Amino acid sequence: MKPCSFYIFNYQQENEYLKEKIESELSVHGFYKDEDPELVISLGGDGTFLSSMHQTDFKKRYISINRGHLGFFSDYDHEDIFSLVDDIINKDYFLEEIPLYDITGDKNDIFFSDIAITSHKTLNISLSIDDENIFKGNASGIVISSAKGSTGFNYSLNSPVCFISSPFLQYSLIAPVKNRLNRNVISKGILPLDKKIFLSALGDLHLSVDGREDEDLKEINLEVSLKDQKVSLIHFKKISLVQRIKRSIN
């Protein structure tokens, strides 16, 4: 890889010595630190990785070093740091281009993995495709995830894992109310990307985008759509999607 500007995201004090080692080694070989870098290195778990992309508007090239639990997006653990540094300096990389999704309406944002509306109470939730309603009723929340996010929150709601890399959205309701008035609840589904997806919720709710920026709200109205932008992940190792998924959930 040709020398370029870089920045390392790290939120844990115990990782500082690793961060300094990486910075020192890369600097010796012509790479240089910059707050507006070409290359972003995430040192932490998947949450740190997602946060690093949000803070740089998904416009850089990204590498993740796992210092968390799952490390779904990482090709390297902290024991492999010198192997990673050697790969950055000496190897050619390949890019994985991953779809992104827009949120508009009461909140404007981008998500890579999922958005979640949750509550400790029952919410009034509505989910529609164009002007056709899929669900309108009560539930404790809803999660909409991408294929990459299918191993996260949605997986804990017994939604399927997606072995695909193409654009994809699925939803899962959290504890939907089922009674004699609401017997046929479509609690999970795959959403079309060529139509408008509308989501609204009313009640004491929390909104989370990629597991960050929790907000306490009383009402939210959103439109979700595929974004005309992808994010670039750098890889030096050939790890298949199946291997990556099995490694993170087994």
C-alpha atoms as a PDB file:
ATOM      1  CA  MET A   1       0.000   0.000   0.000  1.00  0.00           C
ATOM      2  CA  LYS A   2       1.384   3.416  -0.893  1.00  0.00           C
ATOM      3  CA  PRO A   3       2.112   5.757   2.036  1.00  0.00           C
ATOM      4  CA  CYS A   4      -0.805   8.050   2.822  1.00  0.00           C
ATOM      5  CA  SER A   5      -2.387  10.035   5.628  1.00  0.00           C
ATOM      6  CA  PHE A   6      -4.038   8.043   8.421  1.00  0.00           C
ATOM      7  CA  TYR A   7      -5.895   8.433  11.685  1.00  0.00           C
ATOM      8  CA  ILE A   8      -6.527   5.851  14.411  1.00  0.00           C
ATOM      9  CA  PHE A   9      -9.839   5.860  16.279  1.00  0.00           C
ATOM     10  CA  ASN A  10      -9.552   4.551  19.823  1.00  0.00           C
ATOM     11  CA  TYR A  11     -11.841   5.171  22.809  1.00  0.00           C
ATOM     12  CA  GLN A  12     -10.189   2.882  25.366  1.00  0.00           C
ATOM     13  CA  GLN A  13      -7.240   3.975  27.498  1.00  0.00           C
ATOM     14  CA  GLU A  14      -5.864   0.427  27.613  1.00  0.00           C
ATOM     15  CA  ASN A  15      -5.459   0.528  23.821  1.00  0.00           C
ATOM     16  CA  GLU A  16      -3.272   3.651  23.813  1.00  0.00           C
ATOM     17  CA  TYR A  17       0.011   1.729  23.814  1.00  0.00           C
ATOM     18  CA  LEU A  18      -1.146  -0.271  20.765  1.00  0.00           C
ATOM     19  CA  LYS A  19      -2.220   2.911  19.029  1.00  0.00           C
ATOM     20  CA  GLU A  20       1.186   4.480  19.661  1.00  0.00           C
ATOM     21  CA  LYS A  21       2.981   1.393  18.344  1.00  0.00           C
ATOM     22  CA  ILE A  22       0.987   1.436  15.112  1.00  0.00           C
ATOM     23  CA  GLU A  23       1.489   5.187  14.651  1.00  0.00           C
ATOM     24  CA  SER A  24       5.232   4.881  15.241  1.00  0.00           C
ATOM     25  CA  GLU A  25       5.714   1.959  12.864  1.00  0.00           C
ATOM     26  CA  LEU A  26       3.641   3.487  10.063  1.00  0.00           C
ATOM     27  CA  SER A  27       5.378   6.858  10.425  1.00  0.00           C
ATOM     28  CA  VAL A  28       8.764   5.229   9.888  1.00  0.00           C
ATOM     29  CA  HIS A  29       7.517   4.018   6.485  1.00  0.00           C
ATOM     30  CA  GLY A  30       6.202   7.343   5.200  1.00  0.00           C
ATOM     31  CA  PHE A  31       2.635   7.275   6.489  1.00  0.00           C
ATOM     32  CA  TYR A  32       1.600  10.388   8.396  1.00  0.00           C
ATOM     33  CA  LYS A  33      -1.124  11.286  10.887  1.00  0.00           C
ATOM     34  CA  ASP A  34      -3.847  13.653   9.747  1.00  0.00           C
ATOM     35  CA  GLU A  35      -7.264  14.541  11.168  1.00  0.00           C
ATOM     36  CA  ASP A  36      -8.649  14.472   7.616  1.00  0.00           C
ATOM     37  CA  PRO A  37      -7.027  11.202   6.543  1.00  0.00           C
ATOM     38  CA  GLU A  38      -7.244   8.941   3.537  1.00  0.00           C
ATOM     39  CA  LEU A  39      -7.045   5.853   5.759  1.00  0.00           C
ATOM     40  CA  VAL A  40      -8.989   5.315   8.991  1.00  0.00           C
ATOM     41  CA  ILE A  41      -7.883   2.556  11.373  1.00  0.00           C
ATOM     42  CA  SER A  42     -10.385   1.536  14.030  1.00  0.00           C
ATOM     43  CA  LEU A  43      -8.891   0.093  17.231  1.00  0.00           C
ATOM     44  CA  GLY A  44     -11.691  -1.478  19.273  1.00  0.00           C
ATOM     45  CA  GLY A  45     -14.862  -3.454  18.708  1.00  0.00           C
ATOM     46  CA  ASP A  46     -17.582  -3.201  16.083  1.00  0.00           C
ATOM     47  CA  GLY A  47     -19.043  -0.190  17.910  1.00  0.00           C
ATOM     48  CA  THR A  48     -15.778   1.732  17.552  1.00  0.00           C
ATOM     49  CA  PHE A  49     -15.632   0.771  13.898  1.00  0.00           C
ATOM     50  CA  LEU A  50     -19.182   2.011  13.226  1.00  0.00           C
ATOM     51  CA  SER A  51     -18.495   5.210  15.145  1.00  0.00           C
ATOM     52  CA  SER A  52     -15.322   5.878  13.137  1.00  0.00           C
ATOM     53  CA  MET A  53     -17.289   5.659   9.893  1.00  0.00           C
ATOM     54  CA  HIS A  54     -20.036   7.980  11.147  1.00  0.00           C
ATOM     55  CA  GLN A  55     -17.515  10.559  12.363  1.00  0.00           C
ATOM     56  CA  THR A  56     -15.843  10.656   8.946  1.00  0.00           C
ATOM     57  CA  ASP A  57     -19.102  10.606   6.933  1.00  0.00           C
ATOM     58  CA  PHE A  58     -18.299   7.164   5.478  1.00  0.00           C
ATOM     59  CA  LYS A  59     -15.971   8.863   2.978  1.00  0.00           C
ATOM     60  CA  LYS A  60     -12.598   7.295   3.854  1.00  0.00           C
ATOM     61  CA  ARG A  61     -11.044   3.854   3.476  1.00  0.00           C
ATOM     62  CA  TYR A  62     -11.357   1.801   6.650  1.00  0.00           C
ATOM     63  CA  ILE A  63      -9.482  -0.959   8.465  1.00  0.00           C
ATOM     64  CA  SER A  64     -10.675  -2.500  11.737  1.00  0.00           C
ATOM     65  CA  ILE A  65      -8.507  -4.066  14.458  1.00  0.00           C
ATOM     66  CA  ASN A  66     -10.600  -6.079  16.886  1.00  0.00           C
ATOM     67  CA  ARG A  67     -10.159  -5.222  20.547  1.00  0.00           C
ATOM     68  CA  GLY A  68     -13.789  -5.941  21.400  1.00  0.00           C
ATOM     69  CA  HIS A  69     -15.869  -9.108  21.498  1.00  0.00           C
ATOM     70  CA  LEU A  70     -17.098 -10.120  18.035  1.00  0.00           C
ATOM     71  CA  GLY A  71     -14.963  -8.171  15.592  1.00  0.00           C
ATOM     72  CA  PHE A  72     -17.278  -9.021  12.710  1.00  0.00           C
ATOM     73  CA  PHE A  73     -15.738  -6.405  10.415  1.00  0.00           C
ATOM     74  CA  SER A  74     -12.142  -7.023  11.443  1.00  0.00           C
ATOM     75  CA  ASP A  75      -9.507  -9.199   9.768  1.00  0.00           C
ATOM     76  CA  TYR A  76      -7.061  -8.687  12.649  1.00  0.00           C
ATOM     77  CA  ASP A  77      -7.075  -9.148  16.411  1.00  0.00           C
ATOM     78  CA  HIS A  78      -4.765  -7.160  18.666  1.00  0.00           C
ATOM     79  CA  GLU A  79      -2.277 -10.060  18.632  1.00  0.00           C
ATOM     80  CA  ASP A  80      -1.959  -9.524  14.864  1.00  0.00           C
ATOM     81  CA  ILE A  81      -1.065  -5.842  15.010  1.00  0.00           C
ATOM     82  CA  PHE A  82       2.451  -6.226  13.625  1.00  0.00           C
ATOM     83  CA  SER A  83       1.095  -8.495  10.916  1.00  0.00           C
ATOM     84  CA  LEU A  84      -1.403  -5.761   9.995  1.00  0.00           C
ATOM     85  CA  VAL A  85       1.279  -3.066   9.963  1.00  0.00           C
ATOM     86  CA  ASP A  86       3.452  -5.271   7.757  1.00  0.00           C
ATOM     87  CA  ASP A  87       0.502  -5.853   5.388  1.00  0.00           C
ATOM     88  CA  ILE A  88      -0.274  -2.130   5.184  1.00  0.00           C
ATOM     89  CA  ILE A  89       3.343  -1.338   4.333  1.00  0.00           C
ATOM     90  CA  ASN A  90       4.099  -4.215   1.958  1.00  0.00           C
ATOM     91  CA  LYS A  91       0.914  -5.650   0.460  1.00  0.00           C
ATOM     92  CA  ASP A  92      -1.656  -4.604  -2.086  1.00  0.00           C
ATOM     93  CA  TYR A  93      -5.169  -4.394  -0.691  1.00  0.00           C
ATOM     94  CA  PHE A  94      -8.596  -4.969  -2.141  1.00  0.00           C
ATOM     95  CA  LEU A  95     -11.703  -2.944  -1.397  1.00  0.00           C
ATOM     96  CA  GLU A  96     -15.067  -4.208  -0.218  1.00  0.00           C
ATOM     97  CA  GLU A  97     -17.755  -1.718  -1.236  1.00  0.00           C
ATOM     98  CA  ILE A  98     -20.722  -1.885   1.154  1.00  0.00           C
ATOM     99  CA  PRO A  99     -24.152  -0.261   0.628  1.00  0.00           C
ATOM    100  CA  LEU A 100     -25.371   2.537   2.881  1.00  0.00           C
ATOM    101  CA  TYR A 101     -28.896   3.648   3.739  1.00  0.00           C
ATOM    102  CA  ASP A 102     -30.503   7.056   4.221  1.00  0.00           C
ATOM    103  CA  ILE A 103     -32.821   8.150   6.999  1.00  0.00           C
ATOM    104  CA  THR A 104     -34.835  11.296   6.373  1.00  0.00           C
ATOM    105  CA  GLY A 105     -37.796  12.982   8.022  1.00  0.00           C
ATOM    106  CA  ASP A 106     -37.617  13.934  11.695  1.00  0.00           C
ATOM    107  CA  LYS A 107     -33.970  12.810  11.676  1.00  0.00           C
ATOM    108  CA  ASN A 108     -31.480  12.937   8.828  1.00  0.00           C
ATOM    109  CA  ASP A 109     -28.723  10.360   9.070  1.00  0.00           C
ATOM    110  CA  ILE A 110     -26.976   7.437   7.362  1.00  0.00           C
ATOM    111  CA  PHE A 111     -26.828   3.883   8.616  1.00  0.00           C
ATOM    112  CA  PHE A 112     -24.596   0.957   7.771  1.00  0.00           C
ATOM    113  CA  SER A 113     -25.952  -1.731  10.087  1.00  0.00           C
ATOM    114  CA  ASP A 114     -29.349  -0.922  11.600  1.00  0.00           C
ATOM    115  CA  ILE A 115     -31.746   1.537  13.141  1.00  0.00           C
ATOM    116  CA  ALA A 116     -33.718   0.639  16.243  1.00  0.00           C
ATOM    117  CA  ILE A 117     -36.717   2.184  17.930  1.00  0.00           C
ATOM    118  CA  THR A 118     -37.155   0.738  21.410  1.00  0.00           C
ATOM    119  CA  SER A 119     -39.069   1.402  24.603  1.00  0.00           C
ATOM    120  CA  HIS A 120     -39.730  -0.032  28.053  1.00  0.00           C
ATOM    121  CA  LYS A 121     -43.399   0.661  27.297  1.00  0.00           C
ATOM    122  CA  THR A 122     -45.692  -0.236  24.419  1.00  0.00           C
ATOM    123  CA  LEU A 123     -45.410   2.046  21.393  1.00  0.00           C
ATOM    124  CA  ASN A 124     -47.842   2.844  18.607  1.00  0.00           C
ATOM    125  CA  ILE A 125     -45.893   1.843  15.475  1.00  0.00           C
ATOM    126  CA  SER A 126     -46.682   2.149  11.788  1.00  0.00           C
ATOM    127  CA  LEU A 127     -44.634   0.683   8.925  1.00  0.00           C
ATOM    128  CA  SER A 128     -45.626   1.276   5.298  1.00  0.00           C
ATOM    129  CA  ILE A 129     -44.364   0.621   1.778  1.00  0.00           C
ATOM    130  CA  ASP A 130     -45.409   3.574  -0.369  1.00  0.00           C
ATOM    131  CA  ASP A 131     -49.033   4.134   0.731  1.00  0.00           C
ATOM    132  CA  GLU A 132     -49.657   0.522   1.770  1.00  0.00           C
ATOM    133  CA  ASN A 133     -49.473  -0.306   5.448  1.00  0.00           C
ATOM    134  CA  ILE A 134     -47.613  -3.447   6.597  1.00  0.00           C
ATOM    135  CA  PHE A 135     -48.118  -2.960  10.303  1.00  0.00           C
ATOM    136  CA  LYS A 136     -50.074  -0.504  12.380  1.00  0.00           C
ATOM    137  CA  GLY A 137     -50.423  -1.394  16.012  1.00  0.00           C
ATOM    138  CA  ASN A 138     -48.642  -1.800  19.303  1.00  0.00           C
ATOM    139  CA  ALA A 139     -45.166  -3.176  19.965  1.00  0.00           C
ATOM    140  CA  SER A 140     -42.194  -2.455  22.196  1.00  0.00           C
ATOM    141  CA  GLY A 141     -40.109  -1.414  19.212  1.00  0.00           C
ATOM    142  CA  ILE A 142     -38.838  -2.193  15.744  1.00  0.00           C
ATOM    143  CA  VAL A 143     -35.436  -2.850  14.151  1.00  0.00           C
ATOM    144  CA  ILE A 144     -34.595  -2.303  10.484  1.00  0.00           C
ATOM    145  CA  SER A 145     -31.261  -3.783   9.459  1.00  0.00           C
ATOM    146  CA  SER A 146     -29.074  -4.179   6.405  1.00  0.00           C
ATOM    147  CA  ALA A 147     -27.485  -7.457   5.360  1.00  0.00           C
ATOM    148  CA  LYS A 148     -24.376  -6.516   7.367  1.00  0.00           C
ATOM    149  CA  GLY A 149     -26.569  -5.748  10.355  1.00  0.00           C
ATOM    150  CA  SER A 150     -28.425  -9.058  10.213  1.00  0.00           C
ATOM    151  CA  THR A 151     -25.987 -10.606  12.700  1.00  0.00           C
ATOM    152  CA  GLY A 152     -26.697  -7.880  15.260  1.00  0.00           C
ATOM    153  CA  PHE A 153     -29.891  -6.724  16.971  1.00  0.00           C
ATOM    154  CA  ASN A 154     -32.137  -8.365  14.397  1.00  0.00           C
ATOM    155  CA  TYR A 155     -30.418 -11.705  14.928  1.00  0.00           C
ATOM    156  CA  SER A 156     -31.334 -11.552  18.621  1.00  0.00           C
ATOM    157  CA  LEU A 157     -34.965 -11.179  17.497  1.00  0.00           C
ATOM    158  CA  ASN A 158     -34.740 -14.493  15.604  1.00  0.00           C
ATOM    159  CA  SER A 159     -34.511 -12.869  12.202  1.00  0.00           C
ATOM    160  CA  PRO A 160     -32.476 -14.642   9.520  1.00  0.00           C
ATOM    161  CA  VAL A 161     -28.791 -14.039   8.911  1.00  0.00           C
ATOM    162  CA  CYS A 162     -28.156 -12.702   5.405  1.00  0.00           C
ATOM    163  CA  PHE A 163     -25.373 -14.369   3.415  1.00  0.00           C
ATOM    164  CA  ILE A 164     -25.387 -11.659   0.773  1.00  0.00           C
ATOM    165  CA  SER A 165     -23.423  -8.478   0.071  1.00  0.00           C
ATOM    166  CA  SER A 166     -25.976  -6.729  -2.112  1.00  0.00           C
ATOM    167  CA  PRO A 167     -28.340  -4.008  -0.837  1.00  0.00           C
ATOM    168  CA  PHE A 168     -30.911  -5.482   1.520  1.00  0.00           C
ATOM    169  CA  LEU A 169     -33.246  -4.372   4.321  1.00  0.00           C
ATOM    170  CA  GLN A 170     -35.303  -6.428   6.729  1.00  0.00           C
ATOM    171  CA  TYR A 171     -37.386  -5.507   9.752  1.00  0.00           C
ATOM    172  CA  SER A 172     -38.407  -7.150  13.005  1.00  0.00           C
ATOM    173  CA  LEU A 173     -40.986  -5.936  15.487  1.00  0.00           C
ATOM    174  CA  ILE A 174     -40.084  -6.189  19.148  1.00  0.00           C
ATOM    175  CA  ALA A 175     -42.788  -7.874  21.231  1.00  0.00           C
ATOM    176  CA  PRO A 176     -45.770  -6.970  19.005  1.00  0.00           C
ATOM    177  CA  VAL A 177     -49.138  -7.089  20.753  1.00  0.00           C
ATOM    178  CA  LYS A 178     -51.266  -9.979  19.505  1.00  0.00           C
ATOM    179  CA  ASN A 179     -54.883 -10.356  20.638  1.00  0.00           C
ATOM    180  CA  ARG A 180     -58.337 -10.944  19.191  1.00  0.00           C
ATOM    181  CA  LEU A 181     -58.171  -7.528  17.525  1.00  0.00           C
ATOM    182  CA  ASN A 182     -54.647  -8.041  16.143  1.00  0.00           C
ATOM    183  CA  ARG A 183     -54.218 -11.710  15.354  1.00  0.00           C
ATOM    184  CA  ASN A 184     -52.432 -11.590  12.021  1.00  0.00           C
ATOM    185  CA  VAL A 185     -49.356  -9.521  12.765  1.00  0.00           C
ATOM    186  CA  ILE A 186     -46.572  -9.550  10.165  1.00  0.00           C
ATOM    187  CA  SER A 187     -43.784  -9.258  12.705  1.00  0.00           C
ATOM    188  CA  LYS A 188     -40.836  -9.766  10.313  1.00  0.00           C
ATOM    189  CA  GLY A 189     -40.214  -9.137   6.657  1.00  0.00           C
ATOM    190  CA  ILE A 190     -37.890  -8.153   3.822  1.00  0.00           C
ATOM    191  CA  LEU A 191     -38.379  -4.616   2.533  1.00  0.00           C
ATOM    192  CA  PRO A 192     -38.210  -3.519  -1.125  1.00  0.00           C
ATOM    193  CA  LEU A 193     -35.538  -0.986  -2.018  1.00  0.00           C
ATOM    194  CA  ASP A 194     -37.296   0.373  -5.106  1.00  0.00           C
ATOM    195  CA  LYS A 195     -40.174   1.826  -3.060  1.00  0.00           C
ATOM    196  CA  LYS A 196     -40.559   4.346  -0.256  1.00  0.00           C
ATOM    197  CA  ILE A 197     -40.413   2.893   3.246  1.00  0.00           C
ATOM    198  CA  PHE A 198     -42.135   4.920   5.953  1.00  0.00           C
ATOM    199  CA  LEU A 199     -41.748   4.294   9.661  1.00  0.00           C
ATOM    200  CA  SER A 200     -43.392   6.132  12.536  1.00  0.00           C
ATOM    201  CA  ALA A 201     -43.642   5.556  16.264  1.00  0.00           C
ATOM    202  CA  LEU A 202     -45.488   7.304  19.074  1.00  0.00           C
ATOM    203  CA  GLY A 203     -44.733   6.993  22.793  1.00  0.00           C
ATOM    204  CA  ASP A 204     -41.748   7.161  25.147  1.00  0.00           C
ATOM    205  CA  LEU A 205     -39.133   5.857  22.742  1.00  0.00           C
ATOM    206  CA  HIS A 206     -35.400   5.633  22.147  1.00  0.00           C
ATOM    207  CA  LEU A 207     -33.921   5.971  18.651  1.00  0.00           C
ATOM    208  CA  SER A 208     -30.559   4.372  17.908  1.00  0.00           C
ATOM    209  CA  VAL A 209     -28.653   4.513  14.613  1.00  0.00           C
ATOM    210  CA  ASP A 210     -25.916   1.875  14.258  1.00  0.00           C
ATOM    211  CA  GLY A 211     -25.980   1.468  18.027  1.00  0.00           C
ATOM    212  CA  ARG A 212     -25.065   5.122  18.648  1.00  0.00           C
ATOM    213  CA  GLU A 213     -26.614   8.507  19.289  1.00  0.00           C
ATOM    214  CA  ASP A 214     -29.469   7.279  21.473  1.00  0.00           C
ATOM    215  CA  GLU A 215     -32.225   9.854  21.632  1.00  0.00           C
ATOM    216  CA  ASP A 216     -35.237  10.009  23.936  1.00  0.00           C
ATOM    217  CA  LEU A 217     -38.277  11.093  21.965  1.00  0.00           C
ATOM    218  CA  LYS A 218     -42.053  11.161  22.130  1.00  0.00           C
ATOM    219  CA  GLU A 219     -42.653  10.702  18.414  1.00  0.00           C
ATOM    220  CA  ILE A 220     -40.633   9.960  15.286  1.00  0.00           C
ATOM    221  CA  ASN A 221     -41.487   9.886  11.563  1.00  0.00           C
ATOM    222  CA  LEU A 222     -38.874   8.541   9.171  1.00  0.00           C
ATOM    223  CA  GLU A 223     -38.340   7.515   5.565  1.00  0.00           C
ATOM    224  CA  VAL A 224     -35.718   4.827   4.894  1.00  0.00           C
ATOM    225  CA  SER A 225     -34.054   4.318   1.508  1.00  0.00           C
ATOM    226  CA  LEU A 226     -30.947   3.006  -0.224  1.00  0.00           C
ATOM    227  CA  LYS A 227     -28.270   5.689  -0.432  1.00  0.00           C
ATOM    228  CA  ASP A 228     -26.370   6.507  -3.602  1.00  0.00           C
ATOM    229  CA  GLN A 229     -23.070   5.989  -1.807  1.00  0.00           C
ATOM    230  CA  LYS A 230     -21.025   3.037  -0.610  1.00  0.00           C
ATOM    231  CA  VAL A 231     -18.377   2.764   2.065  1.00  0.00           C
ATOM    232  CA  SER A 232     -14.948   1.249   1.351  1.00  0.00           C
ATOM    233  CA  LEU A 233     -13.424  -1.366   3.638  1.00  0.00           C
ATOM    234  CA  ILE A 234      -9.798  -2.349   3.079  1.00  0.00           C
ATOM    235  CA  HIS A 235      -8.852  -6.022   3.230  1.00  0.00           C
ATOM    236  CA  PHE A 236      -5.519  -7.764   2.923  1.00  0.00           C
ATOM    237  CA  LYS A 237      -6.892 -11.223   3.728  1.00  0.00           C
ATOM    238  CA  LYS A 238      -9.378 -13.319   1.810  1.00  0.00           C
ATOM    239  CA  ILE A 239     -12.074 -14.110   4.380  1.00  0.00           C
ATOM    240  CA  SER A 240     -15.381 -15.206   2.886  1.00  0.00           C
ATOM    241  CA  LEU A 241     -18.699 -13.795   4.082  1.00  0.00           C
ATOM    242  CA  VAL A 242     -19.687 -17.262   5.307  1.00  0.00           C
ATOM    243  CA  GLN A 243     -16.477 -17.557   7.350  1.00  0.00           C
ATOM    244  CA  ARG A 244     -16.949 -14.071   8.780  1.00  0.00           C
ATOM    245  CA  ILE A 245     -20.545 -14.751   9.834  1.00  0.00           C
ATOM    246  CA  LYS A 246     -19.804 -18.184  11.307  1.00  0.00           C
ATOM    247  CA  ARG A 247     -16.857 -16.754  13.242  1.00  0.00           C
ATOM    248  CA  SER A 248     -18.989 -14.034  14.810  1.00  0.00           C
ATOM    249  CA  ILE A 249     -22.055 -16.037  15.838  1.00  0.00           C
ATOM    250  CA  ASN A 250     -20.733 -19.547  16.611  1.00  0.00           C
END
